[in-house]
Amino acid sequence: MKVSSTKQNLFSAVRQLSREKWALGATIMTGKMIGLLLVIVAMMVLPGVFGTSAHAADTYTAHETALINTVNTVWTLVAAFLVFGMQAGFVMLEAGFARKRETVNVLMECIFDTCLCGILFYAVGYAFMFGGGNGFIGWGADGKNWFFLQNTPLTYGTTGIPILAHWIFQYAFADTCSTIVSGAMIGRTSFRGDILYSIGITGFIYPIIGHWAWGPDGFLATMGTSGVLAHLSTQPFRDFAGSTVVHTIGGVASLAGAMVLGPRLGRIFARDDKEKGGLPAGHNLLVAAVGGFLLWFGWYGFNPGSTLSAMDVQGIGRVAANTTLAACAGGFTAMLAALWIGPTKGKFDLAFTINGFLAGLVAITCPCYWVSPLGALALGAISGVIIFAGVYLIEWFRIDDPVGAVSVHGFNGIWGTLSLGFFASGQFGSTGPTGADNSAPVTGLFYGGGFEVLKAQFIGSFTITAAVFIVSFAMMFIINKLGHPWKLRIEEHGEAGVGGIDVFDHGIEAYPVQDDEISLSGLFDKGVKATSEV
């Protein structure tokens, strides 16, 4: 009995040590976030010393222009670092929502995608997306290609920001898109298959289709003035920070992958068994919740940073406030929907609340510059309802989406893009390196602007959604027809075997705690034996 009691005490001490490590890690992370926040605050305050949006039309000396460009570049880089930090959030969110046997695979996929994306976006992606060319694809300018960032000008367009600073900011966006895709494909995607589809998404699908909306001559960006869709709408397609370009592309590509893969082995859907069916609970909601907050924090680089201008102080403040309000509203309405409706009725569901505020963040990403705080609150509240309904819609179609990536990023990316056509307040125009230009404000339907902005948003969203789904589905289908080990779906014995995909593809489990406990137990037994012999 004494030996058993002592063992229990020893294991309790081990668990206490583990909790202390968690607390230490949380403290360190909090300190880092506070430091980054102070840097951001400084970058938002200092531009007031050099200029404001009221001085946007002034003439600046060479010295003042250099100073403005420096401030804008630093602001863009700080924002890029915040967006890159979202990868930690994605890793934790996806791992927390996954099952224990899928954790290492999730971590490895996200880390690998980040490394691969950097190389591909340097080699071809940036040129395809931001180089001049035609309405469908870019490659460079002045007859020279920008592949491997060669032949590029010193600064990007009229922003005054060095090309390499713009590249690192946009690389963080591209990395976000590639990470989204893995979320709906957790637990049954072979790692070699992941390599192949990641090359397709990051190197070609994201930058080429993204060029349509964000490229200097993309046919959606120039709609209303020139290009193949010049006469289809009087307004260009707008996507300030990427509800469509980043989130819809990622969400729709993940839907295509989940459909081609089919559900995880043993997955029971609610329409087939009301009692046992439904999405399996995540193995660590603590990690998922922390990951969600890290994503929220990184979004303050994602949206305000897309001004590319620290001089637009009013715009940065408005975008940050709108981002916050939409996230709060999305989390709140998703929680209430889960409380009032469905299998979780009467319970305050943590998973839906996390995905709710993420849905609000996704939705506000497109219209964040052009809507008022009240509009942000309204469209964010709607996004929380969309995520709740979307999860059950995906479940009804027997599509296995472990983290809700399709609903959060796909459905709410579409909603956020369309919401600009409803909620643009008619007050704000465009941002610029020396401040805002509100001479041609964007006005949505609810503010007396008619249907033109909504029409342009619908055309752009539909075009990109359809193109991404068709191309991604074809790519995933072809990869899944390859022979092992390059087939998209992992072998059945690899998914169902001991340790699951983690052990099969990576040779390790995420939580080898039992081995440590056995070792400690053995050492303890030896110690007791030696003591008794003495």
Protein backbone atom coordinates (compact mmCIF):
# COMPACT_ATOMS: atom_id res chain seq x y z
CA MET A 1 0.00 0.00 0.00
CA LYS A 2 2.85 2.41 0.86
CA VAL A 3 4.56 1.68 -2.44
CA SER A 4 1.33 2.32 -4.36
CA SER A 5 0.76 5.55 -2.46
CA THR A 6 4.30 6.72 -3.13
CA LYS A 7 3.92 5.96 -6.84
CA GLN A 8 0.75 7.99 -6.92
CA ASN A 9 2.53 10.89 -5.25
CA LEU A 10 5.39 10.62 -7.74
CA PHE A 11 3.01 10.71 -10.71
CA SER A 12 1.19 13.65 -9.17
CA ALA A 13 4.50 15.47 -8.89
CA VAL A 14 5.22 14.74 -12.59
CA ARG A 15 1.83 16.09 -13.58
CA GLN A 16 2.35 19.17 -11.40
CA LEU A 17 5.71 19.76 -13.11
CA SER A 18 3.99 19.51 -16.49
CA ARG A 19 1.41 22.10 -15.40
CA GLU A 20 4.20 24.41 -14.22
CA LYS A 21 5.88 24.13 -17.62
CA TRP A 22 2.58 25.08 -19.28
CA ALA A 23 2.31 28.09 -16.98
CA LEU A 24 5.88 29.14 -17.75
CA GLY A 25 5.27 28.80 -21.47
CA ALA A 26 2.07 30.83 -21.23
CA THR A 27 3.92 33.54 -19.29
CA ILE A 28 6.68 33.75 -21.89
CA MET A 29 4.16 33.89 -24.75
CA THR A 30 2.21 36.63 -22.96
CA GLY A 31 5.40 38.67 -22.55
CA LYS A 32 6.18 38.33 -26.24
CA MET A 33 2.69 39.41 -27.24
CA ILE A 34 2.84 42.45 -24.95
CA GLY A 35 6.17 43.42 -26.50
CA LEU A 36 4.75 43.13 -30.02
CA LEU A 37 1.71 45.13 -28.96
CA LEU A 38 3.95 47.95 -27.70
CA VAL A 39 5.77 47.99 -31.02
CA ILE A 40 2.46 48.22 -32.89
CA VAL A 41 1.22 51.03 -30.66
CA ALA A 42 4.47 52.91 -31.29
CA MET A 43 4.09 52.45 -35.04
CA MET A 44 0.54 53.79 -34.88
CA VAL A 45 1.46 56.82 -32.77
CA LEU A 46 4.73 57.90 -34.40
CA PRO A 47 3.27 58.57 -37.85
CA GLY A 48 1.27 61.39 -36.30
CA VAL A 49 4.56 63.23 -35.86
CA PHE A 50 5.28 63.06 -39.58
CA GLY A 51 1.88 63.44 -41.21
CA THR A 52 -1.79 62.48 -41.25
CA SER A 53 -4.41 61.71 -43.86
CA ALA A 54 -5.27 65.41 -43.95
CA HIS A 55 -1.90 66.05 -45.56
CA ALA A 56 -2.22 63.37 -48.21
CA ALA A 57 -2.18 65.90 -51.06
CA ASP A 58 0.80 67.87 -49.77
CA THR A 59 4.14 67.95 -51.53
CA TYR A 60 7.00 66.35 -49.60
CA THR A 61 10.73 66.94 -49.80
CA ALA A 62 13.04 64.06 -50.67
CA HIS A 63 13.99 63.75 -47.02
CA GLU A 64 10.35 63.66 -45.88
CA THR A 65 9.48 61.10 -48.54
CA ALA A 66 12.36 58.88 -47.44
CA LEU A 67 11.18 59.18 -43.84
CA ILE A 68 7.61 58.30 -44.79
CA ASN A 69 8.79 55.29 -46.79
CA THR A 70 10.88 54.14 -43.85
CA VAL A 71 7.97 54.36 -41.42
CA ASN A 72 5.68 52.55 -43.87
CA THR A 73 8.25 49.82 -44.43
CA VAL A 74 8.74 49.22 -40.73
CA TRP A 75 4.98 49.10 -40.25
CA THR A 76 4.63 46.57 -43.08
CA LEU A 77 7.39 44.38 -41.66
CA VAL A 78 5.90 44.44 -38.16
CA ALA A 79 2.56 43.43 -39.68
CA ALA A 80 4.29 40.65 -41.65
CA PHE A 81 5.83 39.26 -38.47
CA LEU A 82 2.41 39.28 -36.79
CA VAL A 83 0.83 37.44 -39.73
CA PHE A 84 3.65 34.90 -39.74
CA GLY A 85 3.04 34.35 -36.03
CA MET A 86 -0.42 33.10 -36.97
CA GLN A 87 1.26 29.84 -37.97
CA ALA A 88 1.68 29.04 -34.28
CA GLY A 89 -2.04 29.66 -33.89
CA PHE A 90 -2.94 27.41 -36.82
CA VAL A 91 -0.73 24.62 -35.51
CA MET A 92 -2.30 24.76 -32.06
CA LEU A 93 -5.87 25.17 -33.32
CA GLU A 94 -5.68 22.26 -35.76
CA ALA A 95 -3.80 20.01 -33.37
CA GLY A 96 -6.27 20.75 -30.57
CA PHE A 97 -9.29 19.96 -32.73
CA ALA A 98 -7.69 16.80 -34.14
CA ARG A 99 -7.63 13.42 -32.45
CA LYS A 100 -4.60 12.45 -30.39
CA ARG A 101 -3.36 9.97 -33.02
CA GLU A 102 -3.29 12.75 -35.67
CA THR A 103 -1.38 15.40 -33.74
CA VAL A 104 2.17 14.88 -35.02
CA ASN A 105 0.88 14.74 -38.59
CA VAL A 106 -0.87 18.11 -38.14
CA LEU A 107 2.28 19.69 -36.71
CA MET A 108 4.49 18.31 -39.45
CA GLU A 109 2.17 19.37 -42.26
CA CYS A 110 1.93 22.96 -41.01
CA ILE A 111 5.69 23.26 -40.52
CA PHE A 112 6.43 21.71 -43.89
CA ASP A 113 3.90 23.94 -45.67
CA THR A 114 5.59 27.00 -44.17
CA CYS A 115 9.01 25.95 -45.45
CA LEU A 116 7.75 24.92 -48.88
CA CYS A 117 5.69 28.09 -49.28
CA GLY A 118 8.72 30.30 -48.68
CA ILE A 119 10.70 28.62 -51.42
CA LEU A 120 7.87 28.49 -53.97
CA PHE A 121 6.68 32.04 -53.33
CA TYR A 122 10.26 33.20 -53.83
CA ALA A 123 10.76 31.14 -56.98
CA VAL A 124 7.51 31.66 -58.89
CA GLY A 125 4.59 32.66 -56.67
CA TYR A 126 5.36 36.34 -56.19
CA ALA A 127 5.94 36.85 -59.90
CA PHE A 128 2.71 35.05 -60.82
CA MET A 129 0.72 37.13 -58.34
CA PHE A 130 2.18 40.63 -58.34
CA GLY A 131 4.15 40.86 -61.56
CA GLY A 132 2.71 42.53 -64.61
CA GLY A 133 1.54 40.30 -67.44
CA ASN A 134 -2.10 40.06 -68.38
CA GLY A 135 -5.43 39.82 -66.61
CA PHE A 136 -4.96 36.13 -65.82
CA ILE A 137 -1.34 35.70 -64.80
CA GLY A 138 1.67 37.85 -63.97
CA TRP A 139 5.35 37.20 -64.49
CA GLY A 140 7.25 40.51 -64.29
CA ALA A 141 7.52 43.85 -65.99
CA ASP A 142 9.29 45.58 -68.88
CA GLY A 143 9.72 42.29 -70.70
CA LYS A 144 11.63 40.74 -67.80
CA ASN A 145 10.36 38.04 -65.48
CA TRP A 146 10.44 38.32 -61.69
CA PHE A 147 11.08 34.65 -61.01
CA PHE A 148 13.39 34.13 -58.02
CA LEU A 149 12.81 37.85 -57.36
CA GLN A 150 15.14 38.80 -60.20
CA ASN A 151 14.71 41.97 -62.29
CA THR A 152 12.35 43.49 -59.74
CA PRO A 153 12.26 47.24 -59.05
CA LEU A 154 13.50 48.62 -55.75
CA THR A 155 9.99 49.34 -54.48
CA TYR A 156 6.56 47.85 -55.12
CA GLY A 157 4.39 50.11 -57.25
CA THR A 158 3.76 53.52 -55.70
CA THR A 159 3.88 52.27 -52.11
CA GLY A 160 7.50 53.23 -51.53
CA ILE A 161 7.97 49.87 -49.78
CA PRO A 162 10.98 47.76 -50.85
CA ILE A 163 10.07 44.72 -52.91
CA LEU A 164 11.60 42.35 -50.35
CA ALA A 165 9.54 43.89 -47.55
CA HIS A 166 6.40 43.49 -49.66
CA TRP A 167 7.45 39.93 -50.48
CA ILE A 168 7.80 38.90 -46.84
CA PHE A 169 4.37 40.39 -46.04
CA GLN A 170 2.71 38.59 -48.94
CA TYR A 171 4.59 35.37 -48.19
CA ALA A 172 2.95 35.34 -44.76
CA PHE A 173 -0.44 35.60 -46.50
CA ALA A 174 0.39 32.78 -48.91
CA ASP A 175 1.51 30.62 -46.00
CA THR A 176 -1.81 31.26 -44.26
CA CYS A 177 -3.73 30.05 -47.30
CA SER A 178 -1.69 26.85 -47.63
CA THR A 179 -2.13 26.07 -43.92
CA ILE A 180 -5.92 26.46 -44.13
CA VAL A 181 -6.11 23.71 -46.74
CA SER A 182 -4.72 21.05 -44.41
CA GLY A 183 -7.40 21.66 -41.76
CA ALA A 184 -10.26 19.79 -43.45
CA MET A 185 -7.95 16.95 -44.55
CA ILE A 186 -6.60 15.93 -41.14
CA GLY A 187 -6.13 12.30 -40.21
CA ARG A 188 -6.17 10.57 -43.60
CA THR A 189 -3.82 12.51 -45.90
CA SER A 190 -0.48 10.86 -46.57
CA PHE A 191 2.45 13.17 -45.99
CA ARG A 192 3.78 12.58 -49.49
CA GLY A 193 0.36 13.43 -50.89
CA ASP A 194 0.47 16.59 -48.78
CA ILE A 195 3.76 17.54 -50.45
CA LEU A 196 2.20 17.26 -53.90
CA TYR A 197 -0.99 19.20 -53.28
CA SER A 198 0.92 21.88 -51.32
CA ILE A 199 3.11 22.48 -54.37
CA GLY A 200 -0.03 22.92 -56.47
CA ILE A 201 -1.79 25.25 -54.02
CA THR A 202 1.17 27.43 -53.00
CA GLY A 203 3.08 27.54 -56.26
CA PHE A 204 0.26 27.91 -58.74
CA ILE A 205 -3.39 28.01 -57.61
CA TYR A 206 -3.07 30.69 -54.91
CA PRO A 207 -0.75 33.12 -56.74
CA ILE A 208 -2.30 32.81 -60.21
CA ILE A 209 -5.92 33.12 -59.07
CA GLY A 210 -4.86 35.72 -56.51
CA HIS A 211 -3.43 37.77 -59.39
CA TRP A 212 -6.96 38.19 -60.73
CA ALA A 213 -7.93 40.25 -57.67
CA TRP A 214 -4.65 41.68 -56.39
CA GLY A 215 -2.35 41.81 -59.41
CA PRO A 216 -1.64 45.20 -61.00
CA ASP A 217 -3.60 44.19 -64.10
CA GLY A 218 -5.82 41.38 -62.78
CA PHE A 219 -9.11 41.19 -64.67
CA LEU A 220 -11.18 41.41 -61.45
CA ALA A 221 -9.11 44.26 -60.03
CA THR A 222 -9.56 46.27 -63.22
CA MET A 223 -13.22 45.37 -63.73
CA GLY A 224 -15.23 48.47 -64.51
CA THR A 225 -12.33 50.28 -66.20
CA SER A 226 -10.42 47.86 -68.44
CA GLY A 227 -9.79 44.18 -69.12
CA VAL A 228 -12.12 41.37 -70.15
CA LEU A 229 -14.80 42.33 -67.62
CA ALA A 230 -14.55 46.09 -68.16
CA HIS A 231 -18.20 46.49 -69.17
CA LEU A 232 -19.71 43.89 -66.83
CA SER A 233 -19.68 46.19 -63.83
CA THR A 234 -19.05 49.85 -63.06
CA GLN A 235 -17.10 48.87 -59.95
CA PRO A 236 -13.87 46.88 -59.50
CA PHE A 237 -13.77 43.80 -57.30
CA ARG A 238 -12.43 44.73 -53.84
CA ASP A 239 -10.83 42.54 -51.22
CA PHE A 240 -8.88 44.67 -48.77
CA ALA A 241 -7.04 41.95 -46.83
CA GLY A 242 -8.11 38.63 -48.29
CA SER A 243 -11.55 37.24 -47.39
CA THR A 244 -11.57 35.85 -50.92
CA VAL A 245 -7.94 35.80 -51.98
CA VAL A 246 -6.67 34.04 -48.84
CA HIS A 247 -9.64 32.52 -47.00
CA THR A 248 -12.05 31.53 -49.75
CA ILE A 249 -9.23 30.01 -51.78
CA GLY A 250 -8.01 28.07 -48.73
CA GLY A 251 -11.49 27.04 -47.60
CA VAL A 252 -12.71 25.93 -51.02
CA ALA A 253 -9.50 24.01 -51.75
CA SER A 254 -9.87 22.24 -48.39
CA LEU A 255 -13.46 21.33 -49.33
CA ALA A 256 -12.24 19.77 -52.58
CA GLY A 257 -9.60 17.79 -50.70
CA ALA A 258 -12.03 16.55 -48.05
CA MET A 259 -14.48 15.41 -50.73
CA VAL A 260 -11.82 13.49 -52.66
CA LEU A 261 -10.40 11.88 -49.51
CA GLY A 262 -13.69 10.82 -47.97
CA PRO A 263 -14.17 10.61 -44.19
CA ARG A 264 -11.72 9.19 -41.66
CA LEU A 265 -12.12 5.49 -40.88
CA GLY A 266 -14.75 4.95 -38.23
CA ARG A 267 -16.26 8.42 -38.67
CA ILE A 268 -20.02 8.30 -37.96
CA PHE A 269 -22.20 11.11 -39.23
CA ALA A 270 -25.16 12.50 -37.33
CA ARG A 271 -27.65 11.78 -40.13
CA ASP A 272 -26.69 8.09 -39.93
CA ASP A 273 -26.75 7.75 -36.13
CA LYS A 274 -28.20 10.57 -34.03
CA GLU A 275 -26.81 9.18 -30.78
CA LYS A 276 -23.28 8.15 -31.77
CA GLY A 277 -22.81 10.36 -34.82
CA GLY A 278 -21.30 13.80 -35.11
CA LEU A 279 -17.87 15.39 -35.23
CA PRO A 280 -15.48 13.71 -32.78
CA ALA A 281 -14.40 16.00 -29.98
CA GLY A 282 -10.95 17.56 -30.25
CA HIS A 283 -8.36 15.89 -28.04
CA ASN A 284 -7.12 19.14 -26.43
CA LEU A 285 -9.44 22.13 -26.41
CA LEU A 286 -7.01 24.07 -24.22
CA VAL A 287 -4.47 24.06 -27.05
CA ALA A 288 -7.22 24.86 -29.57
CA ALA A 289 -8.42 27.87 -27.55
CA VAL A 290 -4.90 29.27 -27.16
CA GLY A 291 -4.35 28.75 -30.89
CA GLY A 292 -7.55 30.66 -31.63
CA PHE A 293 -6.39 33.62 -29.55
CA LEU A 294 -2.99 33.60 -31.27
CA LEU A 295 -4.77 33.77 -34.62
CA TRP A 296 -6.88 36.68 -33.39
CA PHE A 297 -3.72 38.46 -32.26
CA GLY A 298 -2.03 37.85 -35.61
CA TRP A 299 -5.07 39.27 -37.41
CA TYR A 300 -4.02 42.70 -36.19
CA GLY A 301 -1.17 42.38 -38.65
CA PHE A 302 -3.34 40.76 -41.29
CA ASN A 303 -5.95 43.52 -41.60
CA PRO A 304 -4.38 46.82 -40.41
CA GLY A 305 -1.10 45.83 -42.07
CA SER A 306 -2.82 45.62 -45.44
CA THR A 307 -2.88 49.41 -45.55
CA LEU A 308 0.88 49.12 -46.26
CA SER A 309 0.92 52.60 -44.78
CA ALA A 310 1.58 53.74 -41.24
CA MET A 311 0.65 57.24 -42.37
CA ASP A 312 -3.02 56.32 -42.73
CA VAL A 313 -3.54 56.51 -38.98
CA GLN A 314 -7.33 56.83 -39.20
CA GLY A 315 -7.53 53.84 -41.50
CA ILE A 316 -5.35 51.66 -39.28
CA GLY A 317 -7.35 52.52 -36.18
CA ARG A 318 -10.66 51.90 -37.93
CA VAL A 319 -9.53 48.56 -39.40
CA ALA A 320 -8.24 47.36 -36.01
CA ALA A 321 -11.49 48.35 -34.28
CA ASN A 322 -13.63 46.71 -36.97
CA THR A 323 -11.55 43.55 -36.74
CA THR A 324 -12.10 43.39 -33.01
CA LEU A 325 -15.84 44.02 -33.11
CA ALA A 326 -16.50 41.48 -35.85
CA ALA A 327 -14.59 38.79 -33.94
CA CYS A 328 -16.46 39.53 -30.71
CA ALA A 329 -19.84 39.43 -32.44
CA GLY A 330 -19.02 36.21 -34.30
CA GLY A 331 -17.96 34.40 -31.15
CA PHE A 332 -21.03 35.63 -29.27
CA THR A 333 -23.63 34.60 -31.87
CA ALA A 334 -22.00 31.23 -32.51
CA MET A 335 -22.12 30.51 -28.78
CA LEU A 336 -25.80 31.50 -28.63
CA ALA A 337 -26.67 29.42 -31.70
CA ALA A 338 -25.09 26.34 -30.12
CA LEU A 339 -26.89 27.10 -26.85
CA TRP A 340 -30.33 27.41 -28.42
CA ILE A 341 -30.25 24.95 -31.34
CA GLY A 342 -29.05 21.45 -32.21
CA PRO A 343 -27.35 18.63 -30.30
CA THR A 344 -25.53 21.05 -27.99
CA LYS A 345 -28.75 22.80 -26.97
CA GLY A 346 -28.57 24.05 -23.41
CA LYS A 347 -24.74 23.98 -23.37
CA PHE A 348 -22.18 26.72 -23.90
CA ASP A 349 -20.07 25.06 -26.58
CA LEU A 350 -16.37 26.00 -26.55
CA ALA A 351 -15.51 24.72 -30.04
CA PHE A 352 -18.30 26.69 -31.70
CA THR A 353 -17.33 29.82 -29.78
CA ILE A 354 -13.70 29.56 -30.94
CA ASN A 355 -14.72 29.01 -34.54
CA GLY A 356 -17.30 31.78 -34.17
CA PHE A 357 -14.78 34.51 -33.46
CA LEU A 358 -12.53 33.12 -36.19
CA ALA A 359 -15.49 33.31 -38.59
CA GLY A 360 -15.95 36.97 -37.65
CA LEU A 361 -12.28 37.61 -38.33
CA VAL A 362 -12.49 35.93 -41.73
CA ALA A 363 -15.64 37.86 -42.70
CA ILE A 364 -14.30 41.30 -41.75
CA THR A 365 -11.03 40.77 -43.63
CA CYS A 366 -12.45 41.97 -46.97
CA PRO A 367 -14.56 44.99 -45.92
CA CYS A 368 -12.56 46.09 -42.85
CA TYR A 369 -11.41 49.39 -44.42
CA TRP A 370 -14.77 50.51 -45.82
CA VAL A 371 -17.32 49.68 -43.10
CA SER A 372 -18.20 51.48 -39.89
CA PRO A 373 -17.86 49.83 -36.46
CA LEU A 374 -21.62 49.22 -36.42
CA GLY A 375 -21.39 47.49 -39.80
CA ALA A 376 -18.50 45.36 -38.54
CA LEU A 377 -20.57 44.33 -35.53
CA ALA A 378 -23.53 43.37 -37.73
CA LEU A 379 -21.62 41.38 -40.34
CA GLY A 380 -19.60 39.66 -37.61
CA ALA A 381 -22.80 38.59 -35.86
CA ILE A 382 -24.07 37.06 -39.09
CA SER A 383 -20.78 35.19 -39.54
CA GLY A 384 -21.30 33.42 -36.20
CA VAL A 385 -24.63 32.07 -37.43
CA ILE A 386 -23.04 31.03 -40.73
CA ILE A 387 -20.31 29.01 -39.03
CA PHE A 388 -22.88 27.18 -36.89
CA ALA A 389 -25.12 26.36 -39.86
CA GLY A 390 -22.13 25.57 -42.08
CA VAL A 391 -20.70 22.94 -39.76
CA TYR A 392 -24.00 21.05 -39.71
CA LEU A 393 -24.44 21.47 -43.47
CA ILE A 394 -21.02 19.92 -44.09
CA GLU A 395 -21.90 17.14 -41.62
CA TRP A 396 -25.19 16.48 -43.43
CA PHE A 397 -23.35 16.00 -46.73
CA ARG A 398 -21.08 13.45 -44.95
CA ILE A 399 -17.95 15.54 -45.47
CA ASP A 400 -15.39 15.08 -42.70
CA ASP A 401 -13.96 18.48 -41.72
CA PRO A 402 -12.24 18.05 -38.32
CA VAL A 403 -11.57 21.75 -37.65
CA GLY A 404 -14.44 23.42 -39.50
CA ALA A 405 -12.10 24.91 -42.11
CA VAL A 406 -14.70 24.91 -44.89
CA SER A 407 -17.27 26.75 -42.78
CA VAL A 408 -14.86 29.20 -41.13
CA HIS A 409 -12.78 30.12 -44.15
CA GLY A 410 -14.83 29.06 -47.16
CA PHE A 411 -18.38 30.06 -46.27
CA ASN A 412 -17.40 33.11 -44.25
CA GLY A 413 -14.82 34.17 -46.82
CA ILE A 414 -17.68 34.33 -49.34
CA TRP A 415 -19.96 36.11 -46.86
CA GLY A 416 -17.31 38.65 -45.91
CA THR A 417 -16.69 39.46 -49.57
CA LEU A 418 -20.38 39.96 -50.30
CA SER A 419 -20.93 41.92 -47.09
CA LEU A 420 -18.97 44.85 -48.52
CA GLY A 421 -21.78 45.33 -51.02
CA PHE A 422 -24.23 45.71 -48.12
CA PHE A 423 -22.28 47.46 -45.37
CA ALA A 424 -19.78 49.82 -47.10
CA SER A 425 -20.65 53.06 -45.32
CA GLY A 426 -19.92 55.56 -48.10
CA GLN A 427 -17.28 57.39 -46.06
CA PHE A 428 -13.98 55.81 -47.03
CA GLY A 429 -12.13 55.48 -50.31
CA SER A 430 -8.58 54.13 -50.53
CA THR A 431 -5.41 54.08 -48.51
CA GLY A 432 -2.04 55.37 -49.70
CA PRO A 433 1.58 55.86 -48.65
CA THR A 434 0.94 59.36 -47.32
CA GLY A 435 -2.58 58.88 -46.00
CA ALA A 436 -6.14 58.16 -47.03
CA ASP A 437 -7.88 59.38 -50.17
CA ASN A 438 -11.62 59.56 -49.47
CA SER A 439 -12.54 61.48 -52.61
CA ALA A 440 -14.28 58.40 -54.10
CA PRO A 441 -15.86 56.55 -51.15
CA VAL A 442 -17.28 53.03 -51.46
CA THR A 443 -21.00 52.84 -50.72
CA GLY A 444 -23.02 49.67 -50.20
CA LEU A 445 -26.69 48.85 -50.59
CA PHE A 446 -27.68 49.62 -46.99
CA TYR A 447 -26.18 53.11 -47.26
CA GLY A 448 -27.86 54.14 -50.49
CA GLY A 449 -25.20 52.96 -52.91
CA GLY A 450 -27.38 50.62 -54.92
CA PHE A 451 -26.37 47.19 -56.18
CA GLU A 452 -23.21 48.01 -58.14
CA VAL A 453 -20.67 47.26 -55.39
CA LEU A 454 -22.58 44.11 -54.42
CA LYS A 455 -22.68 43.04 -58.07
CA ALA A 456 -18.92 43.44 -58.46
CA GLN A 457 -18.32 41.52 -55.23
CA PHE A 458 -20.59 38.69 -56.36
CA ILE A 459 -18.85 38.41 -59.73
CA GLY A 460 -15.42 38.29 -58.13
CA SER A 461 -16.36 35.88 -55.36
CA PHE A 462 -18.21 33.50 -57.69
CA THR A 463 -15.43 33.52 -60.27
CA ILE A 464 -12.68 32.74 -57.78
CA THR A 465 -14.75 30.20 -55.81
CA ALA A 466 -15.71 28.24 -58.92
CA ALA A 467 -12.20 28.33 -60.40
CA VAL A 468 -10.54 27.21 -57.16
CA PHE A 469 -12.98 24.35 -56.62
CA ILE A 470 -12.69 23.01 -60.17
CA VAL A 471 -8.90 23.20 -60.33
CA SER A 472 -8.35 21.96 -56.75
CA PHE A 473 -10.77 19.05 -57.11
CA ALA A 474 -9.08 17.95 -60.33
CA MET A 475 -5.64 18.20 -58.73
CA MET A 476 -6.68 16.29 -55.59
CA PHE A 477 -8.42 13.62 -57.68
CA ILE A 478 -5.35 13.05 -59.83
CA ILE A 479 -3.03 12.85 -56.81
CA ASN A 480 -5.38 10.36 -55.16
CA LYS A 481 -5.14 8.14 -58.24
CA LEU A 482 -1.37 7.85 -57.93
CA GLY A 483 0.09 4.68 -56.51
CA HIS A 484 1.36 4.44 -52.97
CA PRO A 485 3.20 6.08 -51.33
CA TRP A 486 2.32 9.25 -53.32
CA LYS A 487 -1.43 8.70 -53.23
CA LEU A 488 -3.35 11.48 -51.48
CA ARG A 489 -5.05 9.17 -48.98
CA ILE A 490 -2.88 7.16 -46.65
CA GLU A 491 -3.04 3.37 -46.69
CA GLU A 492 -5.83 1.91 -44.58
CA HIS A 493 -3.47 0.05 -42.25
CA GLY A 494 -1.51 3.25 -41.76
CA GLU A 495 -4.62 5.13 -40.65
CA ALA A 496 -6.09 2.36 -38.50
CA GLY A 497 -2.91 0.80 -37.10
CA VAL A 498 -1.42 1.29 -33.66
CA GLY A 499 -0.55 4.96 -33.20
CA GLY A 500 -2.43 5.87 -36.38
CA ILE A 501 -1.02 8.21 -39.01
CA ASP A 502 1.44 9.72 -36.52
CA VAL A 503 3.37 6.49 -36.06
CA PHE A 504 2.90 5.29 -39.65
CA ASP A 505 4.13 8.44 -41.40
CA HIS A 506 6.31 10.04 -38.73
CA GLY A 507 7.38 7.23 -36.40
CA ILE A 508 6.37 8.95 -33.16
CA GLU A 509 3.38 9.82 -31.01
CA ALA A 510 2.70 13.32 -29.74
CA TYR A 511 2.24 12.18 -26.14
CA PRO A 512 4.61 9.30 -25.25
CA VAL A 513 3.72 9.85 -21.58
CA GLN A 514 3.21 6.21 -20.76
CA ASP A 515 6.82 5.38 -21.55
CA ASP A 516 7.99 8.10 -19.14
CA GLU A 517 5.67 6.86 -16.44
CA ILE A 518 6.85 3.30 -16.92
CA SER A 519 10.46 4.42 -16.66
CA LEU A 520 9.76 6.43 -13.52
CA SER A 521 7.85 3.50 -12.08
CA GLY A 522 10.74 1.17 -12.76
CA LEU A 523 13.25 3.51 -11.13
CA PHE A 524 10.95 3.89 -8.15
CA ASP A 525 10.58 0.10 -7.77
CA LYS A 526 14.35 -0.32 -7.86
CA GLY A 527 14.74 2.38 -5.23
CA VAL A 528 12.20 0.72 -2.93
CA LYS A 529 13.87 -2.66 -3.38
CA ALA A 530 17.32 -1.25 -2.61
CA THR A 531 16.00 0.51 0.49
CA SER A 532 14.31 -2.64 1.77
CA GLU A 533 17.48 -4.69 1.28
CA VAL A 534 19.47 -2.20 3.33
